Structures are given as C-alpha cells and as structure tokens.
Amino acid sequence: MGVKLGDIIPPEAVEEVNLQFFNGKSVAIDGFNALYQFLATIRGPDGRPLMDSKGRVTSHLSGLFFRTLNLLEENVKVGLRLRRPAAGAEEGDDKEACGGEEGRG
C-alpha cells in the first residue's frame, strides 16, 4: 500500500523530526493505511491478531487508540480520514461513500 517515495525524493529534502515538533500543530492520518498497519503488526504472544472475548479482531482499535493518545499527549491535533469510493463511482471520483458531491462525512 502507498507510494514508494524514497527513490524520487533526494536525501537533502528529508528532515527527521521528533514528535514534539508537531506540538500545537494539526496532522491528518490516512485512516485506511493506519488501520491496515495496525491489523498487520499488532499481534498477541501467539502471533494472532488481538481479539475480544467474542473472537472479533480488535488490533486496529488498540493501535488507533494508543497512536491517538500519544499524539494528544504531545498537544497534536489529530484528524483521521477514512475514504473509499462511493458505490458505483469511477476510480478517481471524489465522491464519498457516505454521499455528497462535496465529500461530506
């Protein structure tokens, strides 16, 4: 998932910063990629995804909760965006799954 930018961005254009750099700033998180990352990496000791007492996977919820908590502790304003094409929409169409020409939701 995502775009491999490392090959096209020169090293001098990259600056590593600490989380404190974002103190008081707003950041947007690509929800689908973040949730996928949590589902793929957060596992129990036996290697299976985290689950609740009914056997439902909860790795994504745990990851999202703790990432958001860490950002909020650093006074970072967090925006999470979950987007997918509306039913019947063409790829690249900017309509939201929850409807609307203006991308509400």
Protein backbone atom coordinates (compact mmCIF):
# COMPACT_ATOMS: atom_id res chain seq x y z
CA MET A 1 0.00 0.00 0.00
CA GLY A 2 1.09 3.54 -0.58
CA VAL A 3 3.68 5.07 -2.82
CA LYS A 4 7.40 4.38 -2.57
CA LEU A 5 8.76 7.93 -2.43
CA GLY A 6 12.28 7.12 -1.25
CA ASP A 7 13.57 6.71 -4.80
CA ILE A 8 12.34 10.09 -6.04
CA ILE A 9 12.95 12.37 -3.03
CA PRO A 10 16.56 13.49 -2.64
CA PRO A 11 18.11 12.90 0.82
CA GLU A 12 18.69 16.64 1.36
CA ALA A 13 14.92 17.21 1.13
CA VAL A 14 14.24 14.86 4.07
CA GLU A 15 14.26 16.14 7.64
CA GLU A 16 13.71 13.83 10.60
CA VAL A 17 11.83 15.45 13.47
CA ASN A 18 10.73 14.41 16.94
CA LEU A 19 7.09 14.08 17.85
CA GLN A 20 7.42 17.33 19.85
CA PHE A 21 7.93 19.14 16.53
CA PHE A 22 4.19 18.75 15.93
CA ASN A 23 3.21 20.26 19.31
CA GLY A 24 0.25 22.58 18.72
CA LYS A 25 0.00 21.64 15.04
CA SER A 26 -2.65 19.69 13.16
CA VAL A 27 -1.92 16.42 11.37
CA ALA A 28 -4.08 14.26 9.14
CA ILE A 29 -3.85 10.49 9.30
CA ASP A 30 -4.78 8.28 6.37
CA GLY A 31 -7.21 6.04 8.20
CA PHE A 32 -7.17 3.07 5.85
CA ASN A 33 -3.38 2.83 5.83
CA ALA A 34 -3.16 3.28 9.61
CA LEU A 35 -5.79 0.61 10.27
CA TYR A 36 -4.10 -1.78 7.84
CA GLN A 37 -0.76 -1.18 9.59
CA PHE A 38 -2.29 -1.99 12.98
CA LEU A 39 -4.04 -5.12 11.71
CA ALA A 40 -0.81 -6.35 10.13
CA THR A 41 1.54 -5.62 13.05
CA ILE A 42 -0.30 -5.70 16.39
CA ARG A 43 -0.39 -9.33 17.48
CA GLY A 44 -0.73 -11.32 20.66
CA PRO A 45 2.05 -13.57 22.04
CA ASP A 46 0.78 -16.45 19.89
CA GLY A 47 1.05 -14.39 16.68
CA ARG A 48 -2.68 -13.99 16.16
CA PRO A 49 -4.35 -10.57 15.97
CA LEU A 50 -5.73 -9.19 19.23
CA MET A 51 -9.35 -10.24 19.78
CA ASP A 52 -12.14 -9.53 22.21
CA SER A 53 -13.98 -12.19 24.22
CA LYS A 54 -16.27 -12.91 21.25
CA GLY A 55 -13.35 -13.53 18.88
CA ARG A 56 -13.67 -10.24 16.98
CA VAL A 57 -10.36 -8.70 15.86
CA THR A 58 -9.50 -5.56 17.83
CA SER A 59 -5.87 -4.90 16.82
CA HIS A 60 -6.90 -1.89 14.75
CA LEU A 61 -8.85 -0.36 17.62
CA SER A 62 -5.99 -0.79 20.06
CA GLY A 63 -3.49 0.73 17.62
CA LEU A 64 -5.70 3.65 16.75
CA PHE A 65 -6.42 4.36 20.43
CA PHE A 66 -2.79 4.35 21.52
CA ARG A 67 -1.48 6.29 18.50
CA THR A 68 -4.12 8.96 19.02
CA LEU A 69 -3.39 9.05 22.76
CA ASN A 70 0.34 9.56 22.12
CA LEU A 71 -0.36 12.39 19.69
CA LEU A 72 -2.85 14.08 22.02
CA GLU A 73 -0.36 13.88 24.90
CA GLU A 74 2.01 15.94 22.72
CA ASN A 75 -0.75 18.50 22.02
CA VAL A 76 -1.05 17.40 18.39
CA LYS A 77 -4.45 17.96 16.80
CA VAL A 78 -5.41 14.74 15.04
CA GLY A 79 -7.67 14.28 12.04
CA LEU A 80 -8.47 10.77 10.81
CA ARG A 81 -9.76 10.36 7.28
CA LEU A 82 -11.44 7.18 6.08
CA ARG A 83 -12.27 7.38 2.40
CA ARG A 84 -13.43 4.90 -0.17
CA PRO A 85 -15.18 5.34 -3.49
CA ALA A 86 -18.95 5.57 -3.37
CA ALA A 87 -20.82 2.56 -4.71
CA GLY A 88 -20.77 2.73 -8.50
CA ALA A 89 -18.22 5.57 -8.59
CA GLU A 90 -15.35 5.51 -11.03
CA GLU A 91 -11.80 5.37 -9.70
CA GLY A 92 -10.59 8.90 -9.09
CA ASP A 93 -14.13 10.13 -8.50
CA ASP A 94 -14.05 12.32 -5.39
CA LYS A 95 -17.49 11.38 -4.05
CA GLU A 96 -17.56 9.88 -0.57
CA ALA A 97 -19.06 6.53 0.37
CA CYS A 98 -21.39 8.35 2.77
CA GLY A 99 -22.62 10.52 -0.07
CA GLY A 100 -22.47 14.02 -1.30
CA GLU A 101 -20.83 15.90 -4.10
CA GLU A 102 -18.77 17.92 -1.62
CA GLY A 103 -17.24 14.97 0.21
CA ARG A 104 -19.23 15.21 3.41
CA GLY A 105 -18.59 12.63 6.10
